[in-house]
mmCIF file of all heavy atoms, coordinates in Angstrom:
data_MODEL
# 
_entry.id   MODEL 
# 
loop_
_atom_site.group_PDB 
_atom_site.id 
_atom_site.type_symbol 
_atom_site.label_atom_id 
_atom_site.label_alt_id 
_atom_site.label_comp_id 
_atom_site.label_asym_id 
_atom_site.label_entity_id 
_atom_site.label_seq_id 
_atom_site.pdbx_PDB_ins_code 
_atom_site.Cartn_x 
_atom_site.Cartn_y 
_atom_site.Cartn_z 
_atom_site.occupancy 
_atom_site.B_iso_or_equiv 
_atom_site.pdbx_formal_charge 
_atom_site.auth_seq_id 
_atom_site.auth_comp_id 
_atom_site.auth_asym_id 
_atom_site.auth_atom_id 
_atom_site.pdbx_PDB_model_num 
ATOM 1   N N   . LEU A 1 1  ? 71.564 35.531 -27.166 1.00 0.00 ? 1  LEU A N   1 
ATOM 2   C CA  . LEU A 1 1  ? 71.583 35.777 -28.615 1.00 0.00 ? 1  LEU A CA  1 
ATOM 3   C C   . LEU A 1 1  ? 72.823 35.175 -29.219 1.00 0.00 ? 1  LEU A C   1 
ATOM 4   O O   . LEU A 1 1  ? 73.940 35.470 -28.770 1.00 0.00 ? 1  LEU A O   1 
ATOM 5   C CB  . LEU A 1 1  ? 71.548 37.279 -28.858 1.00 0.00 ? 1  LEU A CB  1 
ATOM 6   C CG  . LEU A 1 1  ? 71.719 37.754 -30.302 1.00 0.00 ? 1  LEU A CG  1 
ATOM 7   C CD1 . LEU A 1 1  ? 70.580 37.269 -31.179 1.00 0.00 ? 1  LEU A CD1 1 
ATOM 8   C CD2 . LEU A 1 1  ? 71.837 39.284 -30.353 1.00 0.00 ? 1  LEU A CD2 1 
ATOM 9   N N   . VAL A 1 2  ? 72.645 34.285 -30.188 1.00 0.00 ? 2  VAL A N   1 
ATOM 10  C CA  . VAL A 1 2  ? 73.769 33.674 -30.876 1.00 0.00 ? 2  VAL A CA  1 
ATOM 11  C C   . VAL A 1 2  ? 73.542 33.739 -32.373 1.00 0.00 ? 2  VAL A C   1 
ATOM 12  O O   . VAL A 1 2  ? 72.399 33.885 -32.842 1.00 0.00 ? 2  VAL A O   1 
ATOM 13  C CB  . VAL A 1 2  ? 73.951 32.188 -30.460 1.00 0.00 ? 2  VAL A CB  1 
ATOM 14  C CG1 . VAL A 1 2  ? 74.301 32.093 -28.983 1.00 0.00 ? 2  VAL A CG1 1 
ATOM 15  C CG2 . VAL A 1 2  ? 72.729 31.362 -30.792 1.00 0.00 ? 2  VAL A CG2 1 
ATOM 16  N N   . GLN A 1 3  ? 74.651 33.589 -33.105 1.00 0.00 ? 3  GLN A N   1 
ATOM 17  C CA  . GLN A 1 3  ? 74.532 33.524 -34.550 1.00 0.00 ? 3  GLN A CA  1 
ATOM 18  C C   . GLN A 1 3  ? 74.269 32.104 -34.995 1.00 0.00 ? 3  GLN A C   1 
ATOM 19  O O   . GLN A 1 3  ? 74.629 31.151 -34.285 1.00 0.00 ? 3  GLN A O   1 
ATOM 20  C CB  . GLN A 1 3  ? 75.826 34.050 -35.194 1.00 0.00 ? 3  GLN A CB  1 
ATOM 21  C CG  . GLN A 1 3  ? 76.037 35.553 -35.016 1.00 0.00 ? 3  GLN A CG  1 
ATOM 22  C CD  . GLN A 1 3  ? 77.190 36.055 -35.847 1.00 0.00 ? 3  GLN A CD  1 
ATOM 23  O OE1 . GLN A 1 3  ? 78.117 35.303 -36.180 1.00 0.00 ? 3  GLN A OE1 1 
ATOM 24  N NE2 . GLN A 1 3  ? 77.158 37.330 -36.203 1.00 0.00 ? 3  GLN A NE2 1 
ATOM 25  N N   . ALA A 1 4  ? 73.661 31.947 -36.121 1.00 0.00 ? 4  ALA A N   1 
ATOM 26  C CA  . ALA A 1 4  ? 73.410 30.622 -36.644 1.00 0.00 ? 4  ALA A CA  1 
ATOM 27  C C   . ALA A 1 4  ? 74.720 29.838 -36.723 1.00 0.00 ? 4  ALA A C   1 
ATOM 28  O O   . ALA A 1 4  ? 75.750 30.376 -37.194 1.00 0.00 ? 4  ALA A O   1 
ATOM 29  C CB  . ALA A 1 4  ? 72.780 30.712 -38.025 1.00 0.00 ? 4  ALA A CB  1 
ATOM 30  N N   . GLY A 1 5  ? 74.700 28.602 -36.218 1.00 0.00 ? 5  GLY A N   1 
ATOM 31  C CA  . GLY A 1 5  ? 75.876 27.784 -36.201 1.00 0.00 ? 5  GLY A CA  1 
ATOM 32  C C   . GLY A 1 5  ? 76.738 27.880 -34.976 1.00 0.00 ? 5  GLY A C   1 
ATOM 33  O O   . GLY A 1 5  ? 77.641 27.056 -34.757 1.00 0.00 ? 5  GLY A O   1 
ATOM 34  N N   . GLU A 1 6  ? 76.452 28.862 -34.118 1.00 0.00 ? 6  GLU A N   1 
ATOM 35  C CA  . GLU A 1 6  ? 77.222 29.056 -32.871 1.00 0.00 ? 6  GLU A CA  1 
ATOM 36  C C   . GLU A 1 6  ? 76.578 28.234 -31.777 1.00 0.00 ? 6  GLU A C   1 
ATOM 37  O O   . GLU A 1 6  ? 75.430 28.433 -31.432 1.00 0.00 ? 6  GLU A O   1 
ATOM 38  C CB  . GLU A 1 6  ? 77.217 30.542 -32.519 1.00 0.00 ? 6  GLU A CB  1 
ATOM 39  C CG  . GLU A 1 6  ? 77.998 30.870 -31.264 1.00 0.00 ? 6  GLU A CG  1 
ATOM 40  C CD  . GLU A 1 6  ? 77.931 32.363 -30.938 1.00 0.00 ? 6  GLU A CD  1 
ATOM 41  O OE1 . GLU A 1 6  ? 77.473 33.143 -31.795 1.00 0.00 ? 6  GLU A OE1 1 
ATOM 42  O OE2 . GLU A 1 6  ? 78.333 32.743 -29.815 1.00 0.00 ? 6  GLU A OE2 1 
ATOM 43  N N   . SER A 1 7  ? 77.321 27.353 -31.153 1.00 0.00 ? 7  SER A N   1 
ATOM 44  C CA  . SER A 1 7  ? 76.776 26.435 -30.150 1.00 0.00 ? 7  SER A CA  1 
ATOM 45  C C   . SER A 1 7  ? 76.389 27.160 -28.860 1.00 0.00 ? 7  SER A C   1 
ATOM 46  O O   . SER A 1 7  ? 76.944 28.186 -28.512 1.00 0.00 ? 7  SER A O   1 
ATOM 47  C CB  . SER A 1 7  ? 77.793 25.322 -29.849 1.00 0.00 ? 7  SER A CB  1 
ATOM 48  O OG  . SER A 1 7  ? 77.992 24.504 -30.972 1.00 0.00 ? 7  SER A OG  1 
ATOM 49  N N   . LEU A 1 8  ? 75.413 26.545 -28.202 1.00 0.00 ? 8  LEU A N   1 
ATOM 50  C CA  . LEU A 1 8  ? 74.901 27.113 -26.965 1.00 0.00 ? 8  LEU A CA  1 
ATOM 51  C C   . LEU A 1 8  ? 74.495 25.954 -26.069 1.00 0.00 ? 8  LEU A C   1 
ATOM 52  O O   . LEU A 1 8  ? 74.014 24.930 -26.551 1.00 0.00 ? 8  LEU A O   1 
ATOM 53  C CB  . LEU A 1 8  ? 73.659 27.972 -27.296 1.00 0.00 ? 8  LEU A CB  1 
ATOM 54  C CG  . LEU A 1 8  ? 73.039 28.849 -26.198 1.00 0.00 ? 8  LEU A CG  1 
ATOM 55  C CD1 . LEU A 1 8  ? 74.000 29.982 -25.877 1.00 0.00 ? 8  LEU A CD1 1 
ATOM 56  C CD2 . LEU A 1 8  ? 71.732 29.428 -26.703 1.00 0.00 ? 8  LEU A CD2 1 
ATOM 57  N N   . ARG A 1 9  ? 74.683 26.113 -24.744 1.00 0.00 ? 9  ARG A N   1 
ATOM 58  C CA  . ARG A 1 9  ? 74.286 25.088 -23.815 1.00 0.00 ? 9  ARG A CA  1 
ATOM 59  C C   . ARG A 1 9  ? 73.312 25.673 -22.798 1.00 0.00 ? 9  ARG A C   1 
ATOM 60  O O   . ARG A 1 9  ? 73.664 26.612 -22.070 1.00 0.00 ? 9  ARG A O   1 
ATOM 61  C CB  . ARG A 1 9  ? 75.464 24.430 -23.093 1.00 0.00 ? 9  ARG A CB  1 
ATOM 62  C CG  . ARG A 1 9  ? 75.032 23.203 -22.278 1.00 0.00 ? 9  ARG A CG  1 
ATOM 63  C CD  . ARG A 1 9  ? 76.229 22.521 -21.598 1.00 0.00 ? 9  ARG A CD  1 
ATOM 64  N NE  . ARG A 1 9  ? 76.658 23.228 -20.405 1.00 0.00 ? 9  ARG A NE  1 
ATOM 65  C CZ  . ARG A 1 9  ? 77.456 22.677 -19.489 1.00 0.00 ? 9  ARG A CZ  1 
ATOM 66  N NH1 . ARG A 1 9  ? 77.854 21.424 -19.627 1.00 0.00 ? 9  ARG A NH1 1 
ATOM 67  N NH2 . ARG A 1 9  ? 77.822 23.393 -18.429 1.00 0.00 ? 9  ARG A NH2 1 
ATOM 68  N N   . LEU A 1 10 ? 72.152 25.090 -22.715 1.00 0.00 ? 10 LEU A N   1 
ATOM 69  C CA  . LEU A 1 10 ? 71.183 25.451 -21.708 1.00 0.00 ? 10 LEU A CA  1 
ATOM 70  C C   . LEU A 1 10 ? 71.307 24.546 -20.509 1.00 0.00 ? 10 LEU A C   1 
ATOM 71  O O   . LEU A 1 10 ? 71.589 23.354 -20.662 1.00 0.00 ? 10 LEU A O   1 
ATOM 72  C CB  . LEU A 1 10 ? 69.770 25.377 -22.284 1.00 0.00 ? 10 LEU A CB  1 
ATOM 73  C CG  . LEU A 1 10 ? 69.474 26.157 -23.558 1.00 0.00 ? 10 LEU A CG  1 
ATOM 74  C CD1 . LEU A 1 10 ? 68.002 26.022 -23.941 1.00 0.00 ? 10 LEU A CD1 1 
ATOM 75  C CD2 . LEU A 1 10 ? 69.882 27.615 -23.413 1.00 0.00 ? 10 LEU A CD2 1 
ATOM 76  N N   . SER A 1 11 ? 71.067 25.121 -19.340 1.00 0.00 ? 11 SER A N   1 
ATOM 77  C CA  . SER A 1 11 ? 71.135 24.355 -18.117 1.00 0.00 ? 11 SER A CA  1 
ATOM 78  C C   . SER A 1 11 ? 69.790 24.386 -17.393 1.00 0.00 ? 11 SER A C   1 
ATOM 79  O O   . SER A 1 11 ? 69.055 25.376 -17.465 1.00 0.00 ? 11 SER A O   1 
ATOM 80  C CB  . SER A 1 11 ? 72.184 24.931 -17.167 1.00 0.00 ? 11 SER A CB  1 
ATOM 81  O OG  . SER A 1 11 ? 73.474 24.888 -17.772 1.00 0.00 ? 11 SER A OG  1 
ATOM 82  N N   . CYS A 1 12 ? 69.489 23.289 -16.722 1.00 0.00 ? 12 CYS A N   1 
ATOM 83  C CA  . CYS A 1 12 ? 68.281 23.175 -15.896 1.00 0.00 ? 12 CYS A CA  1 
ATOM 84  C C   . CYS A 1 12 ? 68.682 22.758 -14.516 1.00 0.00 ? 12 CYS A C   1 
ATOM 85  O O   . CYS A 1 12 ? 69.336 21.730 -14.329 1.00 0.00 ? 12 CYS A O   1 
ATOM 86  C CB  . CYS A 1 12 ? 67.339 22.147 -16.524 1.00 0.00 ? 12 CYS A CB  1 
ATOM 87  S SG  . CYS A 1 12 ? 65.839 21.850 -15.565 1.00 0.00 ? 12 CYS A SG  1 
ATOM 88  N N   . ALA A 1 13 ? 68.348 23.583 -13.536 1.00 0.00 ? 13 ALA A N   1 
ATOM 89  C CA  . ALA A 1 13 ? 68.639 23.315 -12.133 1.00 0.00 ? 13 ALA A CA  1 
ATOM 90  C C   . ALA A 1 13 ? 67.335 23.265 -11.367 1.00 0.00 ? 13 ALA A C   1 
ATOM 91  O O   . ALA A 1 13 ? 66.312 23.787 -11.817 1.00 0.00 ? 13 ALA A O   1 
ATOM 92  C CB  . ALA A 1 13 ? 69.552 24.398 -11.581 1.00 0.00 ? 13 ALA A CB  1 
ATOM 93  N N   . ALA A 1 14 ? 67.385 22.630 -10.189 1.00 0.00 ? 14 ALA A N   1 
ATOM 94  C CA  . ALA A 1 14 ? 66.174 22.539 -9.391  1.00 0.00 ? 14 ALA A CA  1 
ATOM 95  C C   . ALA A 1 14 ? 66.494 22.634 -7.912  1.00 0.00 ? 14 ALA A C   1 
ATOM 96  O O   . ALA A 1 14 ? 67.557 22.187 -7.489  1.00 0.00 ? 14 ALA A O   1 
ATOM 97  C CB  . ALA A 1 14 ? 65.433 21.209 -9.689  1.00 0.00 ? 14 ALA A CB  1 
ATOM 98  N N   . SER A 1 15 ? 65.583 23.185 -7.194  1.00 0.00 ? 15 SER A N   1 
ATOM 99  C CA  . SER A 1 15 ? 65.641 23.189 -5.735  1.00 0.00 ? 15 SER A CA  1 
ATOM 100 C C   . SER A 1 15 ? 64.356 22.539 -5.229  1.00 0.00 ? 15 SER A C   1 
ATOM 101 O O   . SER A 1 15 ? 63.305 22.637 -5.852  1.00 0.00 ? 15 SER A O   1 
ATOM 102 C CB  . SER A 1 15 ? 65.761 24.606 -5.188  1.00 0.00 ? 15 SER A CB  1 
ATOM 103 O OG  . SER A 1 15 ? 64.683 25.402 -5.578  1.00 0.00 ? 15 SER A OG  1 
ATOM 104 N N   . GLY A 1 16 ? 64.500 21.767 -4.148  1.00 0.00 ? 16 GLY A N   1 
ATOM 105 C CA  . GLY A 1 16 ? 63.332 21.114 -3.611  1.00 0.00 ? 16 GLY A CA  1 
ATOM 106 C C   . GLY A 1 16 ? 63.058 19.740 -4.234  1.00 0.00 ? 16 GLY A C   1 
ATOM 107 O O   . GLY A 1 16 ? 62.095 19.076 -3.852  1.00 0.00 ? 16 GLY A O   1 
ATOM 108 N N   . LEU A 1 17 ? 63.843 19.355 -5.214  1.00 0.00 ? 17 LEU A N   1 
ATOM 109 C CA  . LEU A 1 17 ? 63.741 18.024 -5.777  1.00 0.00 ? 17 LEU A CA  1 
ATOM 110 C C   . LEU A 1 17 ? 65.058 17.648 -6.419  1.00 0.00 ? 17 LEU A C   1 
ATOM 111 O O   . LEU A 1 17 ? 65.848 18.528 -6.838  1.00 0.00 ? 17 LEU A O   1 
ATOM 112 C CB  . LEU A 1 17 ? 62.600 17.921 -6.797  1.00 0.00 ? 17 LEU A CB  1 
ATOM 113 C CG  . LEU A 1 17 ? 62.648 18.766 -8.070  1.00 0.00 ? 17 LEU A CG  1 
ATOM 114 C CD1 . LEU A 1 17 ? 63.451 18.111 -9.170  1.00 0.00 ? 17 LEU A CD1 1 
ATOM 115 C CD2 . LEU A 1 17 ? 61.218 18.984 -8.603  1.00 0.00 ? 17 LEU A CD2 1 
ATOM 116 N N   . ARG A 1 18 ? 65.302 16.355 -6.535  1.00 0.00 ? 18 ARG A N   1 
ATOM 117 C CA  . ARG A 1 18 ? 66.486 15.864 -7.166  1.00 0.00 ? 18 ARG A CA  1 
ATOM 118 C C   . ARG A 1 18 ? 66.119 15.464 -8.603  1.00 0.00 ? 18 ARG A C   1 
ATOM 119 O O   . ARG A 1 18 ? 65.292 14.578 -8.830  1.00 0.00 ? 18 ARG A O   1 
ATOM 120 C CB  . ARG A 1 18 ? 67.041 14.651 -6.415  1.00 0.00 ? 18 ARG A CB  1 
ATOM 121 C CG  . ARG A 1 18 ? 67.603 15.015 -5.037  1.00 0.00 ? 18 ARG A CG  1 
ATOM 122 C CD  . ARG A 1 18 ? 68.411 13.880 -4.469  1.00 0.00 ? 18 ARG A CD  1 
ATOM 123 N NE  . ARG A 1 18 ? 69.518 13.505 -5.323  1.00 0.00 ? 18 ARG A NE  1 
ATOM 124 C CZ  . ARG A 1 18 ? 70.684 14.146 -5.377  1.00 0.00 ? 18 ARG A CZ  1 
ATOM 125 N NH1 . ARG A 1 18 ? 70.862 15.200 -4.601  1.00 0.00 ? 18 ARG A NH1 1 
ATOM 126 N NH2 . ARG A 1 18 ? 71.629 13.741 -6.136  1.00 0.00 ? 18 ARG A NH2 1 
ATOM 127 N N   . LEU A 1 19 ? 66.748 16.132 -9.555  1.00 0.00 ? 19 LEU A N   1 
ATOM 128 C CA  . LEU A 1 19 ? 66.428 15.856 -10.955 1.00 0.00 ? 19 LEU A CA  1 
ATOM 129 C C   . LEU A 1 19 ? 66.726 14.413 -11.328 1.00 0.00 ? 19 LEU A C   1 
ATOM 130 O O   . LEU A 1 19 ? 66.112 13.859 -12.252 1.00 0.00 ? 19 LEU A O   1 
ATOM 131 C CB  . LEU A 1 19 ? 67.208 16.803 -11.851 1.00 0.00 ? 19 LEU A CB  1 
ATOM 132 C CG  . LEU A 1 19 ? 66.810 18.279 -11.741 1.00 0.00 ? 19 LEU A CG  1 
ATOM 133 C CD1 . LEU A 1 19 ? 67.706 19.126 -12.653 1.00 0.00 ? 19 LEU A CD1 1 
ATOM 134 C CD2 . LEU A 1 19 ? 65.343 18.488 -12.067 1.00 0.00 ? 19 LEU A CD2 1 
ATOM 135 N N   . SER A 1 20 ? 67.633 13.767 -10.620 1.00 0.00 ? 20 SER A N   1 
ATOM 136 C CA  . SER A 1 20 ? 67.954 12.369 -10.927 1.00 0.00 ? 20 SER A CA  1 
ATOM 137 C C   . SER A 1 20 ? 66.767 11.452 -10.640 1.00 0.00 ? 20 SER A C   1 
ATOM 138 O O   . SER A 1 20 ? 66.758 10.316 -11.145 1.00 0.00 ? 20 SER A O   1 
ATOM 139 C CB  . SER A 1 20 ? 69.156 11.905 -10.111 1.00 0.00 ? 20 SER A CB  1 
ATOM 140 O OG  . SER A 1 20 ? 68.915 12.049 -8.709  1.00 0.00 ? 20 SER A OG  1 
ATOM 141 N N   . SER A 1 21 ? 65.792 11.895 -9.886  1.00 0.00 ? 21 SER A N   1 
ATOM 142 C CA  . SER A 1 21 ? 64.610 11.101 -9.570  1.00 0.00 ? 21 SER A CA  1 
ATOM 143 C C   . SER A 1 21 ? 63.440 11.370 -10.535 1.00 0.00 ? 21 SER A C   1 
ATOM 144 O O   . SER A 1 21 ? 62.345 10.905 -10.277 1.00 0.00 ? 21 SER A O   1 
ATOM 145 C CB  . SER A 1 21 ? 64.171 11.383 -8.146  1.00 0.00 ? 21 SER A CB  1 
ATOM 146 O OG  . SER A 1 21 ? 65.161 11.003 -7.223  1.00 0.00 ? 21 SER A OG  1 
ATOM 147 N N   . TYR A 1 22 ? 63.722 12.095 -11.595 1.00 0.00 ? 22 TYR A N   1 
ATOM 148 C CA  . TYR A 1 22 ? 62.650 12.474 -12.513 1.00 0.00 ? 22 TYR A CA  1 
ATOM 149 C C   . TYR A 1 22 ? 63.090 12.257 -13.968 1.00 0.00 ? 22 TYR A C   1 
ATOM 150 O O   . TYR A 1 22 ? 64.275 12.322 -14.302 1.00 0.00 ? 22 TYR A O   1 
ATOM 151 C CB  . TYR A 1 22 ? 62.280 13.950 -12.340 1.00 0.00 ? 22 TYR A CB  1 
ATOM 152 C CG  . TYR A 1 22 ? 61.568 14.229 -11.035 1.00 0.00 ? 22 TYR A CG  1 
ATOM 153 C CD1 . TYR A 1 22 ? 62.291 14.385 -9.856  1.00 0.00 ? 22 TYR A CD1 1 
ATOM 154 C CD2 . TYR A 1 22 ? 60.203 14.306 -10.984 1.00 0.00 ? 22 TYR A CD2 1 
ATOM 155 C CE1 . TYR A 1 22 ? 61.660 14.622 -8.641  1.00 0.00 ? 22 TYR A CE1 1 
ATOM 156 C CE2 . TYR A 1 22 ? 59.534 14.547 -9.782  1.00 0.00 ? 22 TYR A CE2 1 
ATOM 157 C CZ  . TYR A 1 22 ? 60.278 14.715 -8.636  1.00 0.00 ? 22 TYR A CZ  1 
ATOM 158 O OH  . TYR A 1 22 ? 59.638 14.937 -7.436  1.00 0.00 ? 22 TYR A OH  1 
ATOM 159 N N   . SER A 1 23 ? 62.098 12.043 -14.811 1.00 0.00 ? 23 SER A N   1 
ATOM 160 C CA  . SER A 1 23 ? 62.313 12.175 -16.238 1.00 0.00 ? 23 SER A CA  1 
ATOM 161 C C   . SER A 1 23 ? 62.284 13.682 -16.538 1.00 0.00 ? 23 SER A C   1 
ATOM 162 O O   . SER A 1 23 ? 61.479 14.424 -15.947 1.00 0.00 ? 23 SER A O   1 
ATOM 163 C CB  . SER A 1 23 ? 61.217 11.453 -17.035 1.00 0.00 ? 23 SER A CB  1 
ATOM 164 O OG  . SER A 1 23 ? 61.226 10.081 -16.756 1.00 0.00 ? 23 SER A OG  1 
ATOM 165 N N   . ILE A 1 24 ? 63.125 14.104 -17.480 1.00 0.00 ? 24 ILE A N   1 
ATOM 166 C CA  . ILE A 1 24 ? 63.252 15.536 -17.765 1.00 0.00 ? 24 ILE A CA  1 
ATOM 167 C C   . ILE A 1 24 ? 63.008 15.793 -19.242 1.00 0.00 ? 24 ILE A C   1 
ATOM 168 O O   . ILE A 1 24 ? 63.475 15.036 -20.108 1.00 0.00 ? 24 ILE A O   1 
ATOM 169 C CB  . ILE A 1 24 ? 64.668 16.037 -17.409 1.00 0.00 ? 24 ILE A CB  1 
ATOM 170 C CG1 . ILE A 1 24 ? 64.992 15.724 -15.942 1.00 0.00 ? 24 ILE A CG1 1 
ATOM 171 C CG2 . ILE A 1 24 ? 64.790 17.528 -17.709 1.00 0.00 ? 24 ILE A CG2 1 
ATOM 172 C CD1 . ILE A 1 24 ? 64.096 16.421 -14.940 1.00 0.00 ? 24 ILE A CD1 1 
ATOM 173 N N   . GLY A 1 25 ? 62.280 16.845 -19.500 1.00 0.00 ? 25 GLY A N   1 
ATOM 174 C CA  . GLY A 1 25 ? 62.040 17.244 -20.888 1.00 0.00 ? 25 GLY A CA  1 
ATOM 175 C C   . GLY A 1 25 ? 62.403 18.688 -21.098 1.00 0.00 ? 25 GLY A C   1 
ATOM 176 O O   . GLY A 1 25 ? 62.332 19.514 -20.179 1.00 0.00 ? 25 GLY A O   1 
ATOM 177 N N   . TRP A 1 26 ? 62.823 18.978 -22.321 1.00 0.00 ? 26 TRP A N   1 
ATOM 178 C CA  . TRP A 1 26 ? 63.024 20.362 -22.780 1.00 0.00 ? 26 TRP A CA  1 
ATOM 179 C C   . TRP A 1 26 ? 61.950 20.630 -23.840 1.00 0.00 ? 26 TRP A C   1 
ATOM 180 O O   . TRP A 1 26 ? 61.740 19.831 -24.742 1.00 0.00 ? 26 TRP A O   1 
ATOM 181 C CB  . TRP A 1 26 ? 64.398 20.558 -23.412 1.00 0.00 ? 26 TRP A CB  1 
ATOM 182 C CG  . TRP A 1 26 ? 65.515 20.675 -22.413 1.00 0.00 ? 26 TRP A CG  1 
ATOM 183 C CD1 . TRP A 1 26 ? 66.359 19.711 -22.007 1.00 0.00 ? 26 TRP A CD1 1 
ATOM 184 C CD2 . TRP A 1 26 ? 65.911 21.896 -21.743 1.00 0.00 ? 26 TRP A CD2 1 
ATOM 185 N NE1 . TRP A 1 26 ? 67.282 20.215 -21.107 1.00 0.00 ? 26 TRP A NE1 1 
ATOM 186 C CE2 . TRP A 1 26 ? 67.012 21.570 -20.919 1.00 0.00 ? 26 TRP A CE2 1 
ATOM 187 C CE3 . TRP A 1 26 ? 65.443 23.198 -21.723 1.00 0.00 ? 26 TRP A CE3 1 
ATOM 188 C CZ2 . TRP A 1 26 ? 67.659 22.508 -20.118 1.00 0.00 ? 26 TRP A CZ2 1 
ATOM 189 C CZ3 . TRP A 1 26 ? 66.089 24.153 -20.939 1.00 0.00 ? 26 TRP A CZ3 1 
ATOM 190 C CH2 . TRP A 1 26 ? 67.202 23.786 -20.135 1.00 0.00 ? 26 TRP A CH2 1 
ATOM 191 N N   . PHE A 1 27 ? 61.309 21.760 -23.674 1.00 0.00 ? 27 PHE A N   1 
ATOM 192 C CA  . PHE A 1 27 ? 60.286 22.226 -24.615 1.00 0.00 ? 27 PHE A CA  1 
ATOM 193 C C   . PHE A 1 27 ? 60.651 23.648 -25.045 1.00 0.00 ? 27 PHE A C   1 
ATOM 194 O O   . PHE A 1 27 ? 61.483 24.293 -24.429 1.00 0.00 ? 27 PHE A O   1 
ATOM 195 C CB  . PHE A 1 27 ? 58.907 22.232 -23.945 1.00 0.00 ? 27 PHE A CB  1 
ATOM 196 C CG  . PHE A 1 27 ? 58.331 20.877 -23.691 1.00 0.00 ? 27 PHE A CG  1 
ATOM 197 C CD1 . PHE A 1 27 ? 58.815 20.068 -22.671 1.00 0.00 ? 27 PHE A CD1 1 
ATOM 198 C CD2 . PHE A 1 27 ? 57.314 20.379 -24.463 1.00 0.00 ? 27 PHE A CD2 1 
ATOM 199 C CE1 . PHE A 1 27 ? 58.323 18.818 -22.435 1.00 0.00 ? 27 PHE A CE1 1 
ATOM 200 C CE2 . PHE A 1 27 ? 56.773 19.121 -24.261 1.00 0.00 ? 27 PHE A CE2 1 
ATOM 201 C CZ  . PHE A 1 27 ? 57.275 18.329 -23.222 1.00 0.00 ? 27 PHE A CZ  1 
ATOM 202 N N   . ARG A 1 28 ? 60.001 24.101 -26.106 1.00 0.00 ? 28 ARG A N   1 
ATOM 203 C CA  . ARG A 1 28 ? 60.216 25.476 -26.540 1.00 0.00 ? 28 ARG A CA  1 
ATOM 204 C C   . ARG A 1 28 ? 58.915 26.043 -27.079 1.00 0.00 ? 28 ARG A C   1 
ATOM 205 O O   . ARG A 1 28 ? 58.035 25.314 -27.536 1.00 0.00 ? 28 ARG A O   1 
ATOM 206 C CB  . ARG A 1 28 ? 61.320 25.548 -27.588 1.00 0.00 ? 28 ARG A CB  1 
ATOM 207 C CG  . ARG A 1 28 ? 60.987 24.910 -28.922 1.00 0.00 ? 28 ARG A CG  1 
ATOM 208 C CD  . ARG A 1 28 ? 62.196 24.898 -29.837 1.00 0.00 ? 28 ARG A CD  1 
ATOM 209 N NE  . ARG A 1 28 ? 61.920 24.305 -31.148 1.00 0.00 ? 28 ARG A NE  1 
ATOM 210 C CZ  . ARG A 1 28 ? 62.845 24.067 -32.060 1.00 0.00 ? 28 ARG A CZ  1 
ATOM 211 N NH1 . ARG A 1 28 ? 64.132 24.358 -31.814 1.00 0.00 ? 28 ARG A NH1 1 
ATOM 212 N NH2 . ARG A 1 28 ? 62.527 23.527 -33.212 1.00 0.00 ? 28 ARG A NH2 1 
ATOM 213 N N   . GLN A 1 29 ? 58.853 27.371 -27.021 1.00 0.00 ? 29 GLN A N   1 
ATOM 214 C CA  . GLN A 1 29 ? 57.682 28.062 -27.522 1.00 0.00 ? 29 GLN A CA  1 
ATOM 215 C C   . GLN A 1 29 ? 58.096 29.340 -28.251 1.00 0.00 ? 29 GLN A C   1 
ATOM 216 O O   . GLN A 1 29 ? 58.703 30.213 -27.624 1.00 0.00 ? 29 GLN A O   1 
ATOM 217 C CB  . GLN A 1 29 ? 56.707 28.388 -26.401 1.00 0.00 ? 29 GLN A CB  1 
ATOM 218 C CG  . GLN A 1 29 ? 55.370 28.925 -26.872 1.00 0.00 ? 29 GLN A CG  1 
ATOM 219 C CD  . GLN A 1 29 ? 54.336 28.927 -25.774 1.00 0.00 ? 29 GLN A CD  1 
ATOM 220 O OE1 . GLN A 1 29 ? 54.636 28.820 -24.586 1.00 0.00 ? 29 GLN A OE1 1 
ATOM 221 N NE2 . GLN A 1 29 ? 53.064 29.031 -26.161 1.00 0.00 ? 29 GLN A NE2 1 
ATOM 222 N N   . ALA A 1 30 ? 57.805 29.371 -29.509 1.00 0.00 ? 30 ALA A N   1 
ATOM 223 C CA  . ALA A 1 30 ? 58.079 30.555 -30.311 1.00 0.00 ? 30 ALA A CA  1 
ATOM 224 C C   . ALA A 1 30 ? 56.845 31.442 -30.314 1.00 0.00 ? 30 ALA A C   1 
ATOM 225 O O   . ALA A 1 30 ? 55.731 30.979 -30.090 1.00 0.00 ? 30 ALA A O   1 
ATOM 226 C CB  . ALA A 1 30 ? 58.438 30.142 -31.748 1.00 0.00 ? 30 ALA A CB  1 
ATOM 227 N N   . PRO A 1 31 ? 56.992 32.738 -30.588 1.00 0.00 ? 31 PRO A N   1 
ATOM 228 C CA  . PRO A 1 31 ? 55.864 33.648 -30.597 1.00 0.00 ? 31 PRO A CA  1 
ATOM 229 C C   . PRO A 1 31 ? 54.761 33.192 -31.530 1.00 0.00 ? 31 PRO A C   1 
ATOM 230 O O   . PRO A 1 31 ? 55.039 32.818 -32.681 1.00 0.00 ? 31 PRO A O   1 
ATOM 231 C CB  . PRO A 1 31 ? 56.463 34.972 -31.063 1.00 0.00 ? 31 PRO A CB  1 
ATOM 232 C CG  . PRO A 1 31 ? 57.901 34.878 -30.688 1.00 0.00 ? 31 PRO A CG  1 
ATOM 233 C CD  . PRO A 1 31 ? 58.252 33.434 -30.826 1.00 0.00 ? 31 PRO A CD  1 
# 
């Protein structure tokens, strides 16, 4: 939970594969 204007960093980690060998996308879904 952040206030409007407050920066946030999301991280994506993986096991069983190297992310450097893939194209990566971020998606979102609101209710």
